[in-house]
Full PDB file with SEQRES, HELIX, SHEET, SSBOND, CRYST1, ORIGX, SCALE, CONECT and MASTER records, all heavy atoms in Angstrom:
SEQRES   1 A   36  SER MET VAL MET SER ILE SER ASP TYR VAL VAL VAL LEU          
SEQRES   2 A   36  ASP VAL GLY ARG LYS ILE SER GLU GLY THR PRO GLN GLU          
SEQRES   3 A   36  VAL ARG ASN ASP PRO ASN VAL ILE ALA ALA                      
HELIX    1 AA1 MET A    2  ILE A    6  1                                   5    
HELIX    2 AA2 PRO A   24  ASN A   29  1                                   6    
HELIX    3 AA3 PRO A   31  ALA A   35  1                                   5    
SHEET    1 AA1 2 VAL A  10  ASP A  14  0                                        
SHEET    2 AA1 2 ARG A  17  GLY A  22 -1                                        
CRYST1    1.000    1.000    1.000  90.00  90.00  90.00 P 1           1          
ORIGX1      1.000000  0.000000  0.000000        0.00000                         
ORIGX2      0.000000  1.000000  0.000000        0.00000                         
ORIGX3      0.000000  0.000000  1.000000        0.00000                         
SCALE1      1.000000  0.000000  0.000000        0.00000                         
SCALE2      0.000000  1.000000  0.000000        0.00000                         
SCALE3      0.000000  0.000000  1.000000        0.00000                         
ATOM      1  N   SER A   1     104.806  92.446  78.383  1.00  0.00           N  
ATOM      2  CA  SER A   1     105.793  91.779  77.913  1.00  0.00           C  
ATOM      3  C   SER A   1     106.935  92.624  77.236  1.00  0.00           C  
ATOM      4  O   SER A   1     108.211  92.456  77.400  1.00  0.00           O  
ATOM      5  CB  SER A   1     105.382  90.707  76.844  1.00  0.00           C  
ATOM      6  OG  SER A   1     104.598  91.430  75.844  1.00  0.00           O  
ATOM      7  N   MET A   2     106.594  93.585  76.534  1.00  0.00           N  
ATOM      8  CA  MET A   2     107.396  94.532  75.906  1.00  0.00           C  
ATOM      9  C   MET A   2     108.099  95.380  76.905  1.00  0.00           C  
ATOM     10  O   MET A   2     109.384  95.618  76.909  1.00  0.00           O  
ATOM     11  CB  MET A   2     106.693  95.578  74.906  1.00  0.00           C  
ATOM     12  CG  MET A   2     107.746  96.307  74.083  1.00  0.00           C  
ATOM     13  SD  MET A   2     106.896  97.376  72.823  1.00  0.00           S  
ATOM     14  CE  MET A   2     106.577  98.819  73.772  1.00  0.00           C  
ATOM     15  N   VAL A   3     107.371  96.068  77.955  1.00  0.00           N  
ATOM     16  CA  VAL A   3     107.908  96.680  79.005  1.00  0.00           C  
ATOM     17  C   VAL A   3     109.007  96.071  79.737  1.00  0.00           C  
ATOM     18  O   VAL A   3     110.234  96.443  79.925  1.00  0.00           O  
ATOM     19  CB  VAL A   3     106.780  97.140  80.089  1.00  0.00           C  
ATOM     20  CG1 VAL A   3     107.501  97.566  81.294  1.00  0.00           C  
ATOM     21  CG2 VAL A   3     105.871  98.119  79.454  1.00  0.00           C  
ATOM     22  N   MET A   4     108.732  94.712  80.072  1.00  0.00           N  
ATOM     23  CA  MET A   4     109.740  94.018  80.921  1.00  0.00           C  
ATOM     24  C   MET A   4     110.895  93.610  80.067  1.00  0.00           C  
ATOM     25  O   MET A   4     112.065  93.381  80.528  1.00  0.00           O  
ATOM     26  CB  MET A   4     109.059  92.797  81.479  1.00  0.00           C  
ATOM     27  CG  MET A   4     107.950  93.125  82.574  1.00  0.00           C  
ATOM     28  SD  MET A   4     108.647  94.025  83.917  1.00  0.00           S  
ATOM     29  CE  MET A   4     107.132  94.347  84.808  1.00  0.00           C  
ATOM     30  N   SER A   5     110.774  93.433  78.724  1.00  0.00           N  
ATOM     31  CA  SER A   5     111.954  92.987  77.944  1.00  0.00           C  
ATOM     32  C   SER A   5     112.839  94.138  77.502  1.00  0.00           C  
ATOM     33  O   SER A   5     114.114  93.904  77.168  1.00  0.00           O  
ATOM     34  CB  SER A   5     111.451  92.240  76.637  1.00  0.00           C  
ATOM     35  OG  SER A   5     110.692  93.219  75.797  1.00  0.00           O  
ATOM     36  N   ILE A   6     112.356  95.417  77.478  1.00  0.00           N  
ATOM     37  CA  ILE A   6     113.252  96.412  76.951  1.00  0.00           C  
ATOM     38  C   ILE A   6     113.573  97.578  77.956  1.00  0.00           C  
ATOM     39  O   ILE A   6     114.548  98.277  77.694  1.00  0.00           O  
ATOM     40  CB  ILE A   6     112.505  97.181  75.673  1.00  0.00           C  
ATOM     41  CG1 ILE A   6     111.508  98.064  76.135  1.00  0.00           C  
ATOM     42  CG2 ILE A   6     112.116  96.156  74.762  1.00  0.00           C  
ATOM     43  CD1 ILE A   6     110.912  98.981  75.022  1.00  0.00           C  
ATOM     44  N   SER A   7     112.963  97.537  79.044  1.00  0.00           N  
ATOM     45  CA  SER A   7     113.206  98.521  80.095  1.00  0.00           C  
ATOM     46  C   SER A   7     114.333  98.375  80.944  1.00  0.00           C  
ATOM     47  O   SER A   7     114.572  97.180  81.352  1.00  0.00           O  
ATOM     48  CB  SER A   7     111.965  98.870  81.001  1.00  0.00           C  
ATOM     49  OG  SER A   7     110.938  99.245  80.114  1.00  0.00           O  
ATOM     50  N   ASP A   8     115.171  99.381  81.295  1.00  0.00           N  
ATOM     51  CA  ASP A   8     116.251  99.382  82.337  1.00  0.00           C  
ATOM     52  C   ASP A   8     115.612  99.668  83.692  1.00  0.00           C  
ATOM     53  O   ASP A   8     116.174  99.040  84.708  1.00  0.00           O  
ATOM     54  CB  ASP A   8     117.326 100.330  81.943  1.00  0.00           C  
ATOM     55  CG  ASP A   8     117.935 100.151  80.667  1.00  0.00           C  
ATOM     56  OD1 ASP A   8     118.610  99.001  80.402  1.00  0.00           O  
ATOM     57  OD2 ASP A   8     117.791 101.081  79.708  1.00  0.00           O  
ATOM     58  N   TYR A   9     114.534 100.412  83.653  1.00  0.00           N  
ATOM     59  CA  TYR A   9     113.920 100.849  84.943  1.00  0.00           C  
ATOM     60  C   TYR A   9     112.436 100.994  84.774  1.00  0.00           C  
ATOM     61  O   TYR A   9     111.968 101.374  83.584  1.00  0.00           O  
ATOM     62  CB  TYR A   9     114.524 102.168  85.451  1.00  0.00           C  
ATOM     63  CG  TYR A   9     114.407 102.430  86.921  1.00  0.00           C  
ATOM     64  CD1 TYR A   9     115.359 101.692  87.769  1.00  0.00           C  
ATOM     65  CD2 TYR A   9     113.620 103.329  87.382  1.00  0.00           C  
ATOM     66  CE1 TYR A   9     115.374 101.980  89.094  1.00  0.00           C  
ATOM     67  CE2 TYR A   9     113.580 103.548  88.801  1.00  0.00           C  
ATOM     68  CZ  TYR A   9     114.436 102.923  89.682  1.00  0.00           C  
ATOM     69  OH  TYR A   9     114.333 103.188  90.980  1.00  0.00           O  
ATOM     70  N   VAL A  10     111.708 100.637  85.832  1.00  0.00           N  
ATOM     71  CA  VAL A  10     110.283 100.697  85.739  1.00  0.00           C  
ATOM     72  C   VAL A  10     109.728 101.477  86.995  1.00  0.00           C  
ATOM     73  O   VAL A  10     110.173 101.221  88.108  1.00  0.00           O  
ATOM     74  CB  VAL A  10     109.492  99.223  85.723  1.00  0.00           C  
ATOM     75  CG1 VAL A  10     108.139  99.388  85.654  1.00  0.00           C  
ATOM     76  CG2 VAL A  10     110.087  98.530  84.501  1.00  0.00           C  
ATOM     77  N   VAL A  11     108.791 102.418  86.641  1.00  0.00           N  
ATOM     78  CA  VAL A  11     108.072 103.082  87.735  1.00  0.00           C  
ATOM     79  C   VAL A  11     106.658 102.759  87.650  1.00  0.00           C  
ATOM     80  O   VAL A  11     106.045 102.840  86.716  1.00  0.00           O  
ATOM     81  CB  VAL A  11     108.317 104.656  87.692  1.00  0.00           C  
ATOM     82  CG1 VAL A  11     107.572 105.335  88.751  1.00  0.00           C  
ATOM     83  CG2 VAL A  11     109.802 104.978  87.757  1.00  0.00           C  
ATOM     84  N   VAL A  12     106.148 102.222  88.873  1.00  0.00           N  
ATOM     85  CA  VAL A  12     104.657 101.818  88.859  1.00  0.00           C  
ATOM     86  C   VAL A  12     103.879 102.953  89.613  1.00  0.00           C  
ATOM     87  O   VAL A  12     104.177 103.365  90.853  1.00  0.00           O  
ATOM     88  CB  VAL A  12     104.536 100.572  89.595  1.00  0.00           C  
ATOM     89  CG1 VAL A  12     103.125  99.939  89.463  1.00  0.00           C  
ATOM     90  CG2 VAL A  12     105.573  99.529  89.061  1.00  0.00           C  
ATOM     91  N   LEU A  13     102.762 103.359  89.053  1.00  0.00           N  
ATOM     92  CA  LEU A  13     101.952 104.398  89.634  1.00  0.00           C  
ATOM     93  C   LEU A  13     100.554 103.692  89.914  1.00  0.00           C  
ATOM     94  O   LEU A  13     100.053 102.816  89.238  1.00  0.00           O  
ATOM     95  CB  LEU A  13     101.609 105.424  88.640  1.00  0.00           C  
ATOM     96  CG  LEU A  13     102.914 106.225  88.129  1.00  0.00           C  
ATOM     97  CD1 LEU A  13     102.369 107.490  87.292  1.00  0.00           C  
ATOM     98  CD2 LEU A  13     103.695 106.836  89.361  1.00  0.00           C  
ATOM     99  N   ASP A  14      99.889 104.300  90.940  1.00  0.00           N  
ATOM    100  CA  ASP A  14      98.547 103.887  91.403  1.00  0.00           C  
ATOM    101  C   ASP A  14      97.842 105.150  91.807  1.00  0.00           C  
ATOM    102  O   ASP A  14      98.103 105.602  92.835  1.00  0.00           O  
ATOM    103  CB  ASP A  14      98.524 102.795  92.447  1.00  0.00           C  
ATOM    104  CG  ASP A  14      97.156 102.227  92.721  1.00  0.00           C  
ATOM    105  OD1 ASP A  14      96.257 102.441  91.941  1.00  0.00           O  
ATOM    106  OD2 ASP A  14      97.015 101.593  93.806  1.00  0.00           O  
ATOM    107  N   VAL A  15      96.833 105.512  91.101  1.00  0.00           N  
ATOM    108  CA  VAL A  15      96.087 106.687  91.443  1.00  0.00           C  
ATOM    109  C   VAL A  15      96.973 107.888  91.769  1.00  0.00           C  
ATOM    110  O   VAL A  15      96.761 108.593  92.858  1.00  0.00           O  
ATOM    111  CB  VAL A  15      95.054 106.431  92.576  1.00  0.00           C  
ATOM    112  CG1 VAL A  15      93.970 107.448  92.645  1.00  0.00           C  
ATOM    113  CG2 VAL A  15      94.445 105.029  92.488  1.00  0.00           C  
ATOM    114  N   GLY A  16      97.909 108.178  90.916  1.00  0.00           N  
ATOM    115  CA  GLY A  16      98.826 109.357  91.065  1.00  0.00           C  
ATOM    116  C   GLY A  16      99.957 109.196  92.009  1.00  0.00           C  
ATOM    117  O   GLY A  16     100.817 109.944  92.168  1.00  0.00           O  
ATOM    118  N   ARG A  17     100.082 108.030  92.640  1.00  0.00           N  
ATOM    119  CA  ARG A  17     101.102 107.804  93.666  1.00  0.00           C  
ATOM    120  C   ARG A  17     102.060 106.651  93.183  1.00  0.00           C  
ATOM    121  O   ARG A  17     101.549 105.705  92.452  1.00  0.00           O  
ATOM    122  CB  ARG A  17     100.578 107.235  94.956  1.00  0.00           C  
ATOM    123  CG  ARG A  17      99.660 108.181  95.728  1.00  0.00           C  
ATOM    124  CD  ARG A  17      99.228 107.718  97.069  1.00  0.00           C  
ATOM    125  NE  ARG A  17      98.470 108.763  97.672  1.00  0.00           N  
ATOM    126  CZ  ARG A  17      97.098 108.805  97.675  1.00  0.00           C  
ATOM    127  NH1 ARG A  17      96.472 107.988  96.889  1.00  0.00           N  
ATOM    128  NH2 ARG A  17      96.497 109.757  98.366  1.00  0.00           N  
ATOM    129  N   LYS A  18     103.285 106.746  93.482  1.00  0.00           N  
ATOM    130  CA  LYS A  18     104.247 105.637  93.067  1.00  0.00           C  
ATOM    131  C   LYS A  18     104.150 104.567  94.143  1.00  0.00           C  
ATOM    132  O   LYS A  18     104.278 104.749  95.367  1.00  0.00           O  
ATOM    133  CB  LYS A  18     105.809 106.329  93.161  1.00  0.00           C  
ATOM    134  CG  LYS A  18     106.767 105.318  92.645  1.00  0.00           C  
ATOM    135  CD  LYS A  18     108.175 105.908  92.729  1.00  0.00           C  
ATOM    136  CE  LYS A  18     108.506 106.436  94.082  1.00  0.00           C  
ATOM    137  NZ  LYS A  18     109.867 106.966  93.991  1.00  0.00           N  
ATOM    138  N   ILE A  19     103.983 103.382  93.759  1.00  0.00           N  
ATOM    139  CA  ILE A  19     103.912 102.220  94.661  1.00  0.00           C  
ATOM    140  C   ILE A  19     105.124 101.357  94.567  1.00  0.00           C  
ATOM    141  O   ILE A  19     105.337 100.477  95.435  1.00  0.00           O  
ATOM    142  CB  ILE A  19     102.537 101.524  94.464  1.00  0.00           C  
ATOM    143  CG1 ILE A  19     102.456 100.777  93.021  1.00  0.00           C  
ATOM    144  CG2 ILE A  19     101.346 102.360  94.662  1.00  0.00           C  
ATOM    145  CD1 ILE A  19     101.472  99.781  92.927  1.00  0.00           C  
ATOM    146  N   SER A  20     105.883 101.411  93.364  1.00  0.00           N  
ATOM    147  CA  SER A  20     107.024 100.570  93.277  1.00  0.00           C  
ATOM    148  C   SER A  20     107.874 101.231  92.123  1.00  0.00           C  
ATOM    149  O   SER A  20     107.450 101.915  91.404  1.00  0.00           O  
ATOM    150  CB  SER A  20     106.674  99.158  92.873  1.00  0.00           C  
ATOM    151  OG  SER A  20     107.708  98.342  92.828  1.00  0.00           O  
ATOM    152  N   GLU A  21     109.177 100.896  92.272  1.00  0.00           N  
ATOM    153  CA  GLU A  21     110.134 101.199  91.246  1.00  0.00           C  
ATOM    154  C   GLU A  21     111.350 100.315  91.402  1.00  0.00           C  
ATOM    155  O   GLU A  21     111.682  99.650  92.426  1.00  0.00           O  
ATOM    156  CB  GLU A  21     110.492 102.722  91.286  1.00  0.00           C  
ATOM    157  CG  GLU A  21     111.464 103.155  92.550  1.00  0.00           C  
ATOM    158  CD  GLU A  21     111.814 104.572  92.397  1.00  0.00           C  
ATOM    159  OE1 GLU A  21     112.091 105.065  91.396  1.00  0.00           O  
ATOM    160  OE2 GLU A  21     111.723 105.135  93.509  1.00  0.00           O  
ATOM    161  N   GLY A  22     112.105 100.150  90.175  1.00  0.00           N  
ATOM    162  CA  GLY A  22     113.206  99.334  90.215  1.00  0.00           C  
ATOM    163  C   GLY A  22     113.454  98.657  88.859  1.00  0.00           C  
ATOM    164  O   GLY A  22     112.838  99.189  87.919  1.00  0.00           O  
ATOM    165  N   THR A  23     114.354  97.810  88.854  1.00  0.00           N  
ATOM    166  CA  THR A  23     114.598  97.026  87.590  1.00  0.00           C  
ATOM    167  C   THR A  23     113.331  96.251  87.223  1.00  0.00           C  
ATOM    168  O   THR A  23     112.469  96.007  88.086  1.00  0.00           O  
ATOM    169  CB  THR A  23     115.712  96.060  87.644  1.00  0.00           C  
ATOM    170  OG1 THR A  23     115.368  95.018  88.638  1.00  0.00           O  
ATOM    171  CG2 THR A  23     117.077  96.792  88.150  1.00  0.00           C  
ATOM    172  N   PRO A  24     113.168  95.856  85.940  1.00  0.00           N  
ATOM    173  CA  PRO A  24     112.094  94.881  85.633  1.00  0.00           C  
ATOM    174  C   PRO A  24     111.901  93.745  86.636  1.00  0.00           C  
ATOM    175  O   PRO A  24     110.833  93.407  87.004  1.00  0.00           O  
ATOM    176  CB  PRO A  24     112.281  94.497  84.210  1.00  0.00           C  
ATOM    177  CG  PRO A  24     113.131  95.735  83.612  1.00  0.00           C  
ATOM    178  CD  PRO A  24     113.951  96.081  84.763  1.00  0.00           C  
ATOM    179  N   GLN A  25     112.987  93.054  86.850  1.00  0.00           N  
ATOM    180  CA  GLN A  25     112.996  91.968  87.738  1.00  0.00           C  
ATOM    181  C   GLN A  25     112.442  92.251  89.125  1.00  0.00           C  
ATOM    182  O   GLN A  25     111.539  91.685  89.749  1.00  0.00           O  
ATOM    183  CB  GLN A  25     114.440  91.169  87.812  1.00  0.00           C  
ATOM    184  CG  GLN A  25     114.302  89.892  88.549  1.00  0.00           C  
ATOM    185  CD  GLN A  25     113.533  88.829  87.896  1.00  0.00           C  
ATOM    186  OE1 GLN A  25     113.380  88.908  86.657  1.00  0.00           O  
ATOM    187  NE2 GLN A  25     112.992  88.041  88.684  1.00  0.00           N  
ATOM    188  N   GLU A  26     113.065  93.417  89.692  1.00  0.00           N  
ATOM    189  CA  GLU A  26     112.494  93.833  91.063  1.00  0.00           C  
ATOM    190  C   GLU A  26     110.951  94.196  90.875  1.00  0.00           C  
ATOM    191  O   GLU A  26     110.239  93.754  91.978  1.00  0.00           O  
ATOM    192  CB  GLU A  26     113.419  95.067  91.480  1.00  0.00           C  
ATOM    193  CG  GLU A  26     114.757  94.826  91.821  1.00  0.00           C  
ATOM    194  CD  GLU A  26     115.563  95.971  91.914  1.00  0.00           C  
ATOM    195  OE1 GLU A  26     115.160  97.078  91.434  1.00  0.00           O  
ATOM    196  OE2 GLU A  26     116.768  95.881  92.566  1.00  0.00           O  
ATOM    197  N   VAL A  27     110.531  94.879  89.979  1.00  0.00           N  
ATOM    198  CA  VAL A  27     109.077  95.290  89.968  1.00  0.00           C  
ATOM    199  C   VAL A  27     108.259  94.016  89.714  1.00  0.00           C  
ATOM    200  O   VAL A  27     107.258  93.730  90.214  1.00  0.00           O  
ATOM    201  CB  VAL A  27     108.867  96.220  88.791  1.00  0.00           C  
ATOM    202  CG1 VAL A  27     107.471  96.414  88.476  1.00  0.00           C  
ATOM    203  CG2 VAL A  27     109.606  97.627  89.201  1.00  0.00           C  
ATOM    204  N   ARG A  28     108.794  93.075  88.784  1.00  0.00           N  
ATOM    205  CA  ARG A  28     107.990  91.872  88.564  1.00  0.00           C  
ATOM    206  C   ARG A  28     107.836  91.150  89.853  1.00  0.00           C  
ATOM    207  O   ARG A  28     106.757  90.344  90.060  1.00  0.00           O  
ATOM    208  CB  ARG A  28     108.943  90.977  87.534  1.00  0.00           C  
ATOM    209  CG  ARG A  28     108.140  89.748  87.112  1.00  0.00           C  
ATOM    210  CD  ARG A  28     109.094  88.814  86.319  1.00  0.00           C  
ATOM    211  NE  ARG A  28     109.979  89.413  85.317  1.00  0.00           N  
ATOM    212  CZ  ARG A  28     109.618  89.534  84.129  1.00  0.00           C  
ATOM    213  NH1 ARG A  28     108.498  88.954  83.737  1.00  0.00           N  
ATOM    214  NH2 ARG A  28     110.500  90.112  83.313  1.00  0.00           N  
ATOM    215  N   ASN A  29     108.786  91.142  90.856  1.00  0.00           N  
ATOM    216  CA  ASN A  29     108.574  90.401  92.065  1.00  0.00           C  
ATOM    217  C   ASN A  29     107.943  91.051  93.187  1.00  0.00           C  
ATOM    218  O   ASN A  29     107.894  90.529  94.380  1.00  0.00           O  
ATOM    219  CB  ASN A  29     110.002  89.784  92.389  1.00  0.00           C  
ATOM    220  CG  ASN A  29     110.466  88.744  91.392  1.00  0.00           C  
ATOM    221  OD1 ASN A  29     109.835  88.003  90.715  1.00  0.00           O  
ATOM    222  ND2 ASN A  29     111.832  88.650  91.313  1.00  0.00           N  
ATOM    223  N   ASP A  30     107.605  92.286  93.034  1.00  0.00           N  
ATOM    224  CA  ASP A  30     106.952  93.121  94.142  1.00  0.00           C  
ATOM    225  C   ASP A  30     105.596  92.652  94.238  1.00  0.00           C  
ATOM    226  O   ASP A  30     104.740  92.759  93.362  1.00  0.00           O  
ATOM    227  CB  ASP A  30     107.038  94.704  93.668  1.00  0.00           C  
ATOM    228  CG  ASP A  30     106.547  95.518  94.851  1.00  0.00           C  
ATOM    229  OD1 ASP A  30     105.670  95.195  95.564  1.00  0.00           O  
ATOM    230  OD2 ASP A  30     107.223  96.727  94.919  1.00  0.00           O  
ATOM    231  N   PRO A  31     105.228  92.291  95.443  1.00  0.00           N  
ATOM    232  CA  PRO A  31     103.803  91.684  95.640  1.00  0.00           C  
ATOM    233  C   PRO A  31     102.748  92.748  95.449  1.00  0.00           C  
ATOM    234  O   PRO A  31     101.769  92.316  94.854  1.00  0.00           O  
ATOM    235  CB  PRO A  31     103.884  91.318  97.082  1.00  0.00           C  
ATOM    236  CG  PRO A  31     105.346  91.085  97.492  1.00  0.00           C  
ATOM    237  CD  PRO A  31     106.073  92.061  96.594  1.00  0.00           C  
ATOM    238  N   ASN A  32     103.074  94.003  95.752  1.00  0.00           N  
ATOM    239  CA  ASN A  32     102.103  95.057  95.500  1.00  0.00           C  
ATOM    240  C   ASN A  32     101.840  95.246  93.970  1.00  0.00           C  
ATOM    241  O   ASN A  32     100.636  95.398  93.483  1.00  0.00           O  
ATOM    242  CB  ASN A  32     102.614  96.305  95.941  1.00  0.00           C  
ATOM    243  CG  ASN A  32     102.767  96.356  97.572  1.00  0.00           C  
ATOM    244  OD1 ASN A  32     101.874  95.672  98.236  1.00  0.00           O  
ATOM    245  ND2 ASN A  32     103.649  97.112  98.088  1.00  0.00           N  
ATOM    246  N   VAL A  33     102.794  95.057  93.193  1.00  0.00           N  
ATOM    247  CA  VAL A  33     102.732  95.274  91.778  1.00  0.00           C  
ATOM    248  C   VAL A  33     101.905  94.010  91.308  1.00  0.00           C  
ATOM    249  O   VAL A  33     101.006  94.082  90.294  1.00  0.00           O  
ATOM    250  CB  VAL A  33     104.016  95.358  91.155  1.00  0.00           C  
ATOM    251  CG1 VAL A  33     103.736  95.404  89.547  1.00  0.00           C  
ATOM    252  CG2 VAL A  33     104.789  96.702  91.588  1.00  0.00           C  
ATOM    253  N   ILE A  34     102.311  92.858  91.600  1.00  0.00           N  
ATOM    254  CA  ILE A  34     101.672  91.685  91.223  1.00  0.00           C  
ATOM    255  C   ILE A  34     100.139  91.627  91.502  1.00  0.00           C  
ATOM    256  O   ILE A  34      99.389  91.332  90.720  1.00  0.00           O  
ATOM    257  CB  ILE A  34     102.231  90.285  91.763  1.00  0.00           C  
ATOM    258  CG1 ILE A  34     103.808  90.245  91.342  1.00  0.00           C  
ATOM    259  CG2 ILE A  34     101.616  89.092  91.408  1.00  0.00           C  
ATOM    260  CD1 ILE A  34     104.529  89.190  92.068  1.00  0.00           C  
ATOM    261  N   ALA A  35      99.874  92.062  92.703  1.00  0.00           N  
ATOM    262  CA  ALA A  35      98.439  92.119  93.097  1.00  0.00           C  
ATOM    263  C   ALA A  35      97.660  93.223  92.299  1.00  0.00           C  
ATOM    264  O   ALA A  35      96.494  92.982  91.933  1.00  0.00           O  
ATOM    265  CB  ALA A  35      98.343  92.428  94.700  1.00  0.00           C  
ATOM    266  N   ALA A  36      98.236  94.347  92.017  1.00  0.00           N  
ATOM    267  CA  ALA A  36      97.557  95.471  91.564  1.00  0.00           C  
ATOM    268  C   ALA A  36      97.492  95.456  90.001  1.00  0.00           C  
ATOM    269  O   ALA A  36      96.417  95.871  89.481  1.00  0.00           O  
ATOM    270  CB  ALA A  36      98.189  96.712  92.006  1.00  0.00           C  
TER     271      ALA A  36                                                      
MASTER        0    0    0    3    2    0    0    6  270    1    0    3          
END                                                                             
């Protein structure tokens, strides 16, 4: 909740790899991020 409310940009990692990046809204709607 804090991340999505204050961040301009979000980078999502999974086991050392980037699986998504973008604005909070873009990341929020990324199916890979939602699932993981």
